[in-house]
Amino acid sequence: QKCVIRGRMYVEAMGREVIFYFYPDNLKKGKPSDM
């Protein structure tokens, strides 16, 4: 549950790949209403 995710995506307007990160926290019981 405590981890880091590294993402890659190709942005057409920039003409190259973009590298970014994100991580989860603040866990609360129950799922989101739209997932």
PDB file of all heavy atoms in Angstrom:
ATOM      1  N   GLN A   1       0.818  -1.208   0.000  1.00  0.00           N
ATOM      2  CA  GLN A   1       0.000   0.000   0.000  1.00  0.00           C
ATOM      3  C   GLN A   1       0.855   1.262   0.000  1.00  0.00           C
ATOM      4  O   GLN A   1       0.423   2.312  -0.474  1.00  0.00           O
ATOM      5  CB  GLN A   1      -0.923   0.000   1.224  1.00  0.00           C
ATOM      6  CG  GLN A   1      -0.157  -0.054   2.536  1.00  0.00           C
ATOM      7  CD  GLN A   1      -1.053   0.259   3.708  1.00  0.00           C
ATOM      8  OE1 GLN A   1      -1.976   1.040   3.580  1.00  0.00           O
ATOM      9  NE2 GLN A   1      -0.789  -0.347   4.848  1.00  0.00           N
ATOM     10  N   LYS A   2       2.079   1.178   0.514  1.00  0.00           N
ATOM     11  CA  LYS A   2       3.001   2.313   0.514  1.00  0.00           C
ATOM     12  C   LYS A   2       4.042   2.065  -0.569  1.00  0.00           C
ATOM     13  O   LYS A   2       5.016   1.337  -0.370  1.00  0.00           O
ATOM     14  CB  LYS A   2       3.668   2.443   1.892  1.00  0.00           C
ATOM     15  CG  LYS A   2       4.410   3.753   2.096  1.00  0.00           C
ATOM     16  CD  LYS A   2       3.470   4.936   2.103  1.00  0.00           C
ATOM     17  CE  LYS A   2       4.208   6.239   2.400  1.00  0.00           C
ATOM     18  NZ  LYS A   2       3.323   7.400   2.315  1.00  0.00           N
ATOM     19  N   CYS A   3       3.828   2.662  -1.740  1.00  0.00           N
ATOM     20  CA  CYS A   3       4.687   2.398  -2.882  1.00  0.00           C
ATOM     21  C   CYS A   3       4.739   3.635  -3.774  1.00  0.00           C
ATOM     22  O   CYS A   3       4.016   4.612  -3.567  1.00  0.00           O
ATOM     23  CB  CYS A   3       4.172   1.199  -3.680  1.00  0.00           C
ATOM     24  SG  CYS A   3       2.544   1.484  -4.416  1.00  0.00           S
ATOM     25  N   VAL A   4       5.613   3.571  -4.774  1.00  0.00           N
ATOM     26  CA  VAL A   4       5.761   4.631  -5.764  1.00  0.00           C
ATOM     27  C   VAL A   4       5.544   4.015  -7.143  1.00  0.00           C
ATOM     28  O   VAL A   4       6.072   2.936  -7.436  1.00  0.00           O
ATOM     29  CB  VAL A   4       7.146   5.290  -5.692  1.00  0.00           C
ATOM     30  CG1 VAL A   4       7.276   6.387  -6.743  1.00  0.00           C
ATOM     31  CG2 VAL A   4       7.403   5.871  -4.309  1.00  0.00           C
ATOM     32  N   ILE A   5       4.768   4.692  -7.979  1.00  0.00           N
ATOM     33  CA  ILE A   5       4.510   4.239  -9.348  1.00  0.00           C
ATOM     34  C   ILE A   5       5.180   5.214 -10.305  1.00  0.00           C
ATOM     35  O   ILE A   5       4.993   6.430 -10.185  1.00  0.00           O
ATOM     36  CB  ILE A   5       3.004   4.133  -9.646  1.00  0.00           C
ATOM     37  CG1 ILE A   5       2.349   3.139  -8.693  1.00  0.00           C
ATOM     38  CG2 ILE A   5       2.776   3.722 -11.090  1.00  0.00           C
ATOM     39  CD1 ILE A   5       1.635   3.742  -7.531  1.00  0.00           C
ATOM     40  N   ARG A   6       5.955   4.681 -11.230  1.00  0.00           N
ATOM     41  CA  ARG A   6       6.561   5.507 -12.280  1.00  0.00           C
ATOM     42  C   ARG A   6       5.806   5.271 -13.583  1.00  0.00           C
ATOM     43  O   ARG A   6       5.673   4.139 -14.035  1.00  0.00           O
ATOM     44  CB  ARG A   6       8.036   5.155 -12.465  1.00  0.00           C
ATOM     45  CG  ARG A   6       8.712   5.964 -13.570  1.00  0.00           C
ATOM     46  CD  ARG A   6      10.218   5.798 -13.557  1.00  0.00           C
ATOM     47  NE  ARG A   6      10.623   4.432 -13.855  1.00  0.00           N
ATOM     48  CZ  ARG A   6      11.888   4.001 -13.812  1.00  0.00           C
ATOM     49  NH1 ARG A   6      12.857   4.843 -13.477  1.00  0.00           N
ATOM     50  NH2 ARG A   6      12.188   2.744 -14.087  1.00  0.00           N
ATOM     51  N   GLY A   7       5.278   6.351 -14.164  1.00  0.00           N
ATOM     52  CA  GLY A   7       4.505   6.248 -15.388  1.00  0.00           C
ATOM     53  C   GLY A   7       5.224   6.856 -16.578  1.00  0.00           C
ATOM     54  O   GLY A   7       6.021   7.799 -16.437  1.00  0.00           O
ATOM     55  N   ARG A   8       4.924   6.324 -17.736  1.00  0.00           N
ATOM     56  CA  ARG A   8       5.450   6.858 -18.994  1.00  0.00           C
ATOM     57  C   ARG A   8       4.290   6.983 -19.965  1.00  0.00           C
ATOM     58  O   ARG A   8       3.452   6.083 -20.066  1.00  0.00           O
ATOM     59  CB  ARG A   8       6.520   5.928 -19.585  1.00  0.00           C
ATOM     60  CG  ARG A   8       7.720   5.677 -18.675  1.00  0.00           C
ATOM     61  CD  ARG A   8       8.639   4.622 -19.279  1.00  0.00           C
ATOM     62  NE  ARG A   8       9.712   4.251 -18.381  1.00  0.00           N
ATOM     63  CZ  ARG A   8      10.920   4.810 -18.370  1.00  0.00           C
ATOM     64  NH1 ARG A   8      11.193   5.781 -19.255  1.00  0.00           N
ATOM     65  NH2 ARG A   8      11.845   4.413 -17.525  1.00  0.00           N
ATOM     66  N   MET A   9       4.265   8.078 -20.701  1.00  0.00           N
ATOM     67  CA  MET A   9       3.248   8.264 -21.735  1.00  0.00           C
ATOM     68  C   MET A   9       3.814   9.153 -22.837  1.00  0.00           C
ATOM     69  O   MET A   9       4.604  10.066 -22.578  1.00  0.00           O
ATOM     70  CB  MET A   9       1.969   8.873 -21.144  1.00  0.00           C
ATOM     71  CG  MET A   9       2.134  10.235 -20.535  1.00  0.00           C
ATOM     72  SD  MET A   9       0.575  10.846 -19.822  1.00  0.00           S
ATOM     73  CE  MET A   9       1.114  12.438 -19.146  1.00  0.00           C
ATOM     74  N   TYR A  10       3.405   8.874 -24.059  1.00  0.00           N
ATOM     75  CA  TYR A  10       3.860   9.660 -25.205  1.00  0.00           C
ATOM     76  C   TYR A  10       2.862  10.794 -25.431  1.00  0.00           C
ATOM     77  O   TYR A  10       1.667  10.563 -25.645  1.00  0.00           O
ATOM     78  CB  TYR A  10       3.951   8.784 -26.452  1.00  0.00           C
ATOM     79  CG  TYR A  10       4.513   9.510 -27.650  1.00  0.00           C
ATOM     80  CD1 TYR A  10       5.883   9.650 -27.826  1.00  0.00           C
ATOM     81  CD2 TYR A  10       3.661  10.073 -28.599  1.00  0.00           C
ATOM     82  CE1 TYR A  10       6.404  10.323 -28.921  1.00  0.00           C
ATOM     83  CE2 TYR A  10       4.174  10.743 -29.703  1.00  0.00           C
ATOM     84  CZ  TYR A  10       5.538  10.866 -29.851  1.00  0.00           C
ATOM     85  OH  TYR A  10       6.048  11.539 -30.938  1.00  0.00           O
ATOM     86  N   VAL A  11       3.360  12.037 -25.354  1.00  0.00           N
ATOM     87  CA  VAL A  11       2.529  13.223 -25.551  1.00  0.00           C
ATOM     88  C   VAL A  11       2.717  13.685 -27.000  1.00  0.00           C
ATOM     89  O   VAL A  11       3.818  14.075 -27.405  1.00  0.00           O
ATOM     90  CB  VAL A  11       2.916  14.343 -24.570  1.00  0.00           C
ATOM     91  CG1 VAL A  11       2.012  15.554 -24.767  1.00  0.00           C
ATOM     92  CG2 VAL A  11       2.822  13.838 -23.135  1.00  0.00           C
ATOM     93  N   GLU A  12       1.643  13.610 -27.780  1.00  0.00           N
ATOM     94  CA  GLU A  12       1.745  13.902 -29.207  1.00  0.00           C
ATOM     95  C   GLU A  12       2.105  15.359 -29.466  1.00  0.00           C
ATOM     96  O   GLU A  12       2.873  15.664 -30.386  1.00  0.00           O
ATOM     97  CB  GLU A  12       0.422  13.545 -29.898  1.00  0.00           C
ATOM     98  CG  GLU A  12       0.095  12.043 -29.832  1.00  0.00           C
ATOM     99  CD  GLU A  12      -1.216  11.722 -30.486  1.00  0.00           C
ATOM    100  OE1 GLU A  12      -1.937  12.687 -30.871  1.00  0.00           O
ATOM    101  OE2 GLU A  12      -1.534  10.537 -30.630  1.00  0.00           O
ATOM    102  N   ALA A  13       1.578  16.296 -28.669  1.00  0.00           N
ATOM    103  CA  ALA A  13       1.876  17.714 -28.903  1.00  0.00           C
ATOM    104  C   ALA A  13       3.358  18.021 -28.657  1.00  0.00           C
ATOM    105  O   ALA A  13       3.936  18.897 -29.306  1.00  0.00           O
ATOM    106  CB  ALA A  13       1.007  18.580 -27.999  1.00  0.00           C
ATOM    107  N   MET A  14       3.992  17.298 -27.740  1.00  0.00           N
ATOM    108  CA  MET A  14       5.401  17.519 -27.438  1.00  0.00           C
ATOM    109  C   MET A  14       6.310  16.670 -28.312  1.00  0.00           C
ATOM    110  O   MET A  14       7.507  16.942 -28.437  1.00  0.00           O
ATOM    111  CB  MET A  14       5.663  17.209 -25.960  1.00  0.00           C
ATOM    112  CG  MET A  14       4.850  18.061 -25.002  1.00  0.00           C
ATOM    113  SD  MET A  14       5.039  17.556 -23.274  1.00  0.00           S
ATOM    114  CE  MET A  14       6.742  18.016 -22.975  1.00  0.00           C
ATOM    115  N   GLY A  15       5.756  15.618 -28.891  1.00  0.00           N
ATOM    116  CA  GLY A  15       6.548  14.759 -29.760  1.00  0.00           C
ATOM    117  C   GLY A  15       7.553  13.903 -29.011  1.00  0.00           C
ATOM    118  O   GLY A  15       8.560  13.467 -29.583  1.00  0.00           O
ATOM    119  N   ARG A  16       7.310  13.602 -27.738  1.00  0.00           N
ATOM    120  CA  ARG A  16       8.253  12.791 -26.959  1.00  0.00           C
ATOM    121  C   ARG A  16       7.525  12.130 -25.792  1.00  0.00           C
ATOM    122  O   ARG A  16       6.360  12.436 -25.497  1.00  0.00           O
ATOM    123  CB  ARG A  16       9.406  13.643 -26.438  1.00  0.00           C
ATOM    124  CG  ARG A  16       9.012  14.695 -25.397  1.00  0.00           C
ATOM    125  CD  ARG A  16      10.237  15.367 -24.811  1.00  0.00           C
ATOM    126  NE  ARG A  16       9.916  16.400 -23.831  1.00  0.00           N
ATOM    127  CZ  ARG A  16       9.718  16.159 -22.547  1.00  0.00           C
ATOM    128  NH1 ARG A  16       9.782  14.916 -22.093  1.00  0.00           N
ATOM    129  NH2 ARG A  16       9.449  17.147 -21.697  1.00  0.00           N
ATOM    130  N   GLU A  17       8.271  11.253 -25.114  1.00  0.00           N
ATOM    131  CA  GLU A  17       7.744  10.558 -23.945  1.00  0.00           C
ATOM    132  C   GLU A  17       7.952  11.392 -22.685  1.00  0.00           C
ATOM    133  O   GLU A  17       8.982  12.042 -22.530  1.00  0.00           O
ATOM    134  CB  GLU A  17       8.457   9.211 -23.797  1.00  0.00           C
ATOM    135  CG  GLU A  17       7.940   8.345 -22.663  1.00  0.00           C
ATOM    136  CD  GLU A  17       8.722   7.051 -22.537  1.00  0.00           C
ATOM    137  OE1 GLU A  17       9.930   7.115 -22.231  1.00  0.00           O
ATOM    138  OE2 GLU A  17       8.138   5.972 -22.742  1.00  0.00           O
ATOM    139  N   VAL A  18       6.959  11.365 -21.803  1.00  0.00           N
ATOM    140  CA  VAL A  18       7.024  12.085 -20.531  1.00  0.00           C
ATOM    141  C   VAL A  18       7.055  11.060 -19.405  1.00  0.00           C
ATOM    142  O   VAL A  18       6.288  10.091 -19.398  1.00  0.00           O
ATOM    143  CB  VAL A  18       5.825  13.040 -20.366  1.00  0.00           C
ATOM    144  CG1 VAL A  18       5.812  13.652 -18.980  1.00  0.00           C
ATOM    145  CG2 VAL A  18       5.862  14.127 -21.431  1.00  0.00           C
ATOM    146  N   ILE A  19       7.948  11.264 -18.444  1.00  0.00           N
ATOM    147  CA  ILE A  19       8.080  10.374 -17.286  1.00  0.00           C
ATOM    148  C   ILE A  19       7.562  11.104 -16.047  1.00  0.00           C
ATOM    149  O   ILE A  19       7.943  12.258 -15.796  1.00  0.00           O
ATOM    150  CB  ILE A  19       9.545   9.952 -17.070  1.00  0.00           C
ATOM    151  CG1 ILE A  19      10.072   9.232 -18.322  1.00  0.00           C
ATOM    152  CG2 ILE A  19       9.673   9.036 -15.855  1.00  0.00           C
ATOM    153  CD1 ILE A  19      11.535   8.877 -18.249  1.00  0.00           C
ATOM    154  N   PHE A  20       6.718  10.447 -15.281  1.00  0.00           N
ATOM    155  CA  PHE A  20       6.133  11.064 -14.084  1.00  0.00           C
ATOM    156  C   PHE A  20       5.981  10.008 -12.997  1.00  0.00           C
ATOM    157  O   PHE A  20       6.256   8.819 -13.209  1.00  0.00           O
ATOM    158  CB  PHE A  20       4.772  11.693 -14.414  1.00  0.00           C
ATOM    159  CG  PHE A  20       3.751  10.715 -14.931  1.00  0.00           C
ATOM    160  CD1 PHE A  20       2.806  10.154 -14.078  1.00  0.00           C
ATOM    161  CD2 PHE A  20       3.727  10.345 -16.272  1.00  0.00           C
ATOM    162  CE1 PHE A  20       1.862   9.258 -14.539  1.00  0.00           C
ATOM    163  CE2 PHE A  20       2.794   9.440 -16.740  1.00  0.00           C
ATOM    164  CZ  PHE A  20       1.860   8.896 -15.887  1.00  0.00           C
ATOM    165  N   TYR A  21       5.546  10.430 -11.816  1.00  0.00           N
ATOM    166  CA  TYR A  21       5.404   9.541 -10.660  1.00  0.00           C
ATOM    167  C   TYR A  21       4.079   9.842  -9.960  1.00  0.00           C
ATOM    168  O   TYR A  21       3.519  10.927 -10.090  1.00  0.00           O
ATOM    169  CB  TYR A  21       6.548   9.729  -9.659  1.00  0.00           C
ATOM    170  CG  TYR A  21       7.924   9.661 -10.264  1.00  0.00           C
ATOM    171  CD1 TYR A  21       8.534  10.806 -10.765  1.00  0.00           C
ATOM    172  CD2 TYR A  21       8.617   8.458 -10.331  1.00  0.00           C
ATOM    173  CE1 TYR A  21       9.799  10.754 -11.327  1.00  0.00           C
ATOM    174  CE2 TYR A  21       9.881   8.402 -10.879  1.00  0.00           C
ATOM    175  CZ  TYR A  21      10.472   9.550 -11.383  1.00  0.00           C
ATOM    176  OH  TYR A  21      11.715   9.490 -11.938  1.00  0.00           O
ATOM    177  N   PHE A  22       3.609   8.874  -9.187  1.00  0.00           N
ATOM    178  CA  PHE A  22       2.501   9.119  -8.265  1.00  0.00           C
ATOM    179  C   PHE A  22       2.500   8.023  -7.203  1.00  0.00           C
ATOM    180  O   PHE A  22       3.114   6.958  -7.382  1.00  0.00           O
ATOM    181  CB  PHE A  22       1.149   9.199  -8.991  1.00  0.00           C
ATOM    182  CG  PHE A  22       0.730   7.954  -9.718  1.00  0.00           C
ATOM    183  CD1 PHE A  22      -0.132   7.039  -9.141  1.00  0.00           C
ATOM    184  CD2 PHE A  22       1.179   7.705 -11.018  1.00  0.00           C
ATOM    185  CE1 PHE A  22      -0.540   5.908  -9.822  1.00  0.00           C
ATOM    186  CE2 PHE A  22       0.782   6.572 -11.706  1.00  0.00           C
ATOM    187  CZ  PHE A  22      -0.080   5.666 -11.107  1.00  0.00           C
ATOM    188  N   TYR A  23       1.827   8.310  -6.089  1.00  0.00           N
ATOM    189  CA  TYR A  23       1.764   7.345  -4.989  1.00  0.00           C
ATOM    190  C   TYR A  23       0.419   7.487  -4.283  1.00  0.00           C
ATOM    191  O   TYR A  23      -0.169   8.565  -4.251  1.00  0.00           O
ATOM    192  CB  TYR A  23       2.920   7.542  -4.001  1.00  0.00           C
ATOM    193  CG  TYR A  23       2.934   8.876  -3.294  1.00  0.00           C
ATOM    194  CD1 TYR A  23       2.325   9.035  -2.044  1.00  0.00           C
ATOM    195  CD2 TYR A  23       3.552   9.985  -3.869  1.00  0.00           C
ATOM    196  CE1 TYR A  23       2.349  10.251  -1.395  1.00  0.00           C
ATOM    197  CE2 TYR A  23       3.576  11.207  -3.228  1.00  0.00           C
ATOM    198  CZ  TYR A  23       2.979  11.342  -1.992  1.00  0.00           C
ATOM    199  OH  TYR A  23       2.977  12.559  -1.343  1.00  0.00           O
ATOM    200  N   PRO A  24      -0.097   6.389  -3.701  1.00  0.00           N
ATOM    201  CA  PRO A  24      -1.382   6.428  -2.986  1.00  0.00           C
ATOM    202  C   PRO A  24      -1.179   6.607  -1.485  1.00  0.00           C
ATOM    203  O   PRO A  24      -0.178   6.167  -0.906  1.00  0.00           O
ATOM    204  CB  PRO A  24      -1.983   5.063  -3.298  1.00  0.00           C
ATOM    205  CG  PRO A  24      -0.786   4.162  -3.404  1.00  0.00           C
ATOM    206  CD  PRO A  24       0.363   5.007  -3.925  1.00  0.00           C
ATOM    207  N   ASP A  25      -2.140   7.247  -0.827  1.00  0.00           N
ATOM    208  CA  ASP A  25      -2.188   7.298   0.631  1.00  0.00           C
ATOM    209  C   ASP A  25      -3.608   7.661   1.053  1.00  0.00           C
ATOM    210  O   ASP A  25      -4.509   7.721   0.215  1.00  0.00           O
ATOM    211  CB  ASP A  25      -1.161   8.282   1.204  1.00  0.00           C
ATOM    212  CG  ASP A  25      -1.470   9.731   0.876  1.00  0.00           C
ATOM    213  OD1 ASP A  25      -2.446   9.986   0.131  1.00  0.00           O
ATOM    214  OD2 ASP A  25      -0.750  10.624   1.355  1.00  0.00           O
ATOM    215  N   ASN A  26      -3.812   7.893   2.352  1.00  0.00           N
ATOM    216  CA  ASN A  26      -5.111   8.284   2.891  1.00  0.00           C
ATOM    217  C   ASN A  26      -6.194   7.255   2.529  1.00  0.00           C
ATOM    218  O   ASN A  26      -7.220   7.589   1.950  1.00  0.00           O
ATOM    219  CB  ASN A  26      -5.506   9.678   2.390  1.00  0.00           C
ATOM    220  CG  ASN A  26      -6.706  10.240   3.133  1.00  0.00           C
ATOM    221  OD1 ASN A  26      -6.982   9.868   4.266  1.00  0.00           O
ATOM    222  ND2 ASN A  26      -7.428  11.134   2.488  1.00  0.00           N
ATOM    223  N   LEU A  27      -5.945   5.990   2.886  1.00  0.00           N
ATOM    224  CA  LEU A  27      -6.881   4.923   2.568  1.00  0.00           C
ATOM    225  C   LEU A  27      -8.110   4.994   3.474  1.00  0.00           C
ATOM    226  O   LEU A  27      -7.992   5.158   4.680  1.00  0.00           O
ATOM    227  CB  LEU A  27      -6.200   3.556   2.729  1.00  0.00           C
ATOM    228  CG  LEU A  27      -5.471   3.005   1.507  1.00  0.00           C
ATOM    229  CD1 LEU A  27      -4.314   3.901   1.107  1.00  0.00           C
ATOM    230  CD2 LEU A  27      -4.960   1.591   1.775  1.00  0.00           C
ATOM    231  N   LYS A  28      -9.280   4.855   2.855  1.00  0.00           N
ATOM    232  CA  LYS A  28     -10.546   4.838   3.578  1.00  0.00           C
ATOM    233  C   LYS A  28     -11.375   3.662   3.085  1.00  0.00           C
ATOM    234  O   LYS A  28     -11.414   3.364   1.897  1.00  0.00           O
ATOM    235  CB  LYS A  28     -11.316   6.147   3.373  1.00  0.00           C
ATOM    236  CG  LYS A  28     -10.601   7.362   3.954  1.00  0.00           C
ATOM    237  CD  LYS A  28     -11.416   8.618   3.742  1.00  0.00           C
ATOM    238  CE  LYS A  28     -10.694   9.835   4.327  1.00  0.00           C
ATOM    239  NZ  LYS A  28     -11.465  11.080   4.101  1.00  0.00           N
ATOM    240  N   LYS A  29     -12.069   3.007   4.028  1.00  0.00           N
ATOM    241  CA  LYS A  29     -12.823   1.802   3.701  1.00  0.00           C
ATOM    242  C   LYS A  29     -13.933   2.128   2.714  1.00  0.00           C
ATOM    243  O   LYS A  29     -14.633   3.119   2.849  1.00  0.00           O
ATOM    244  CB  LYS A  29     -13.423   1.217   4.982  1.00  0.00           C
ATOM    245  CG  LYS A  29     -13.889  -0.218   4.834  1.00  0.00           C
ATOM    246  CD  LYS A  29     -12.724  -1.156   4.709  1.00  0.00           C
ATOM    247  CE  LYS A  29     -13.202  -2.599   4.674  1.00  0.00           C
ATOM    248  NZ  LYS A  29     -14.020  -2.899   3.514  1.00  0.00           N
ATOM    249  N   GLY A  30     -14.100   1.269   1.708  1.00  0.00           N
ATOM    250  CA  GLY A  30     -15.139   1.443   0.701  1.00  0.00           C
ATOM    251  C   GLY A  30     -14.560   1.909  -0.616  1.00  0.00           C
ATOM    252  O   GLY A  30     -13.512   2.543  -0.683  1.00  0.00           O
ATOM    253  N   LYS A  31     -15.254   1.609  -1.709  1.00  0.00           N
ATOM    254  CA  LYS A  31     -14.765   1.957  -3.037  1.00  0.00           C
ATOM    255  C   LYS A  31     -15.360   3.275  -3.507  1.00  0.00           C
ATOM    256  O   LYS A  31     -16.415   3.708  -3.036  1.00  0.00           O
ATOM    257  CB  LYS A  31     -15.117   0.848  -4.032  1.00  0.00           C
ATOM    258  CG  LYS A  31     -16.593   0.722  -4.355  1.00  0.00           C
ATOM    259  CD  LYS A  31     -16.821  -0.377  -5.360  1.00  0.00           C
ATOM    260  CE  LYS A  31     -18.287  -0.412  -5.814  1.00  0.00           C
ATOM    261  NZ  LYS A  31     -18.662   0.792  -6.577  1.00  0.00           N
ATOM    262  N   PRO A  32     -14.687   3.944  -4.469  1.00  0.00           N
ATOM    263  CA  PRO A  32     -15.265   5.159  -5.046  1.00  0.00           C
ATOM    264  C   PRO A  32     -16.580   4.856  -5.769  1.00  0.00           C
ATOM    265  O   PRO A  32     -16.772   3.749  -6.289  1.00  0.00           O
ATOM    266  CB  PRO A  32     -14.183   5.636  -6.032  1.00  0.00           C
ATOM    267  CG  PRO A  32     -12.928   4.976  -5.574  1.00  0.00           C
ATOM    268  CD  PRO A  32     -13.335   3.671  -4.978  1.00  0.00           C
ATOM    269  N   SER A  33     -17.453   5.836  -5.803  1.00  0.00           N
ATOM    270  CA  SER A  33     -18.777   5.603  -6.383  1.00  0.00           C
ATOM    271  C   SER A  33     -18.729   5.389  -7.891  1.00  0.00           C
ATOM    272  O   SER A  33     -19.593   4.737  -8.462  1.00  0.00           O
ATOM    273  CB  SER A  33     -19.694   6.793  -6.067  1.00  0.00           C
ATOM    274  OG  SER A  33     -19.130   8.002  -6.570  1.00  0.00           O
ATOM    275  N   ASP A  34     -17.692   5.928  -8.551  1.00  0.00           N
ATOM    276  CA  ASP A  34     -17.626   5.836 -10.009  1.00  0.00           C
ATOM    277  C   ASP A  34     -16.608   4.818 -10.491  1.00  0.00           C
ATOM    278  O   ASP A  34     -16.189   4.854 -11.652  1.00  0.00           O
ATOM    279  CB  ASP A  34     -17.303   7.201 -10.611  1.00  0.00           C
ATOM    280  CG  ASP A  34     -16.016   7.781 -10.052  1.00  0.00           C
ATOM    281  OD1 ASP A  34     -15.508   7.240  -9.056  1.00  0.00           O
ATOM    282  OD2 ASP A  34     -15.514   8.781 -10.611  1.00  0.00           O
ATOM    283  N   MET A  35     -16.186   3.882  -9.624  1.00  0.00           N
ATOM    284  CA  MET A  35     -15.258   2.827 -10.019  1.00  0.00           C
ATOM    285  C   MET A  35     -15.815   1.475  -9.596  1.00  0.00           C
ATOM    286  O   MET A  35     -16.477   1.369  -8.559  1.00  0.00           O
ATOM    287  CB  MET A  35     -13.873   3.034  -9.394  1.00  0.00           C
ATOM    288  CG  MET A  35     -13.058   4.131 -10.035  1.00  0.00           C
ATOM    289  SD  MET A  35     -11.376   4.204  -9.365  1.00  0.00           S
ATOM    290  CE  MET A  35     -10.684   5.521 -10.369  1.00  0.00           C
TER     291      MET A  35
END
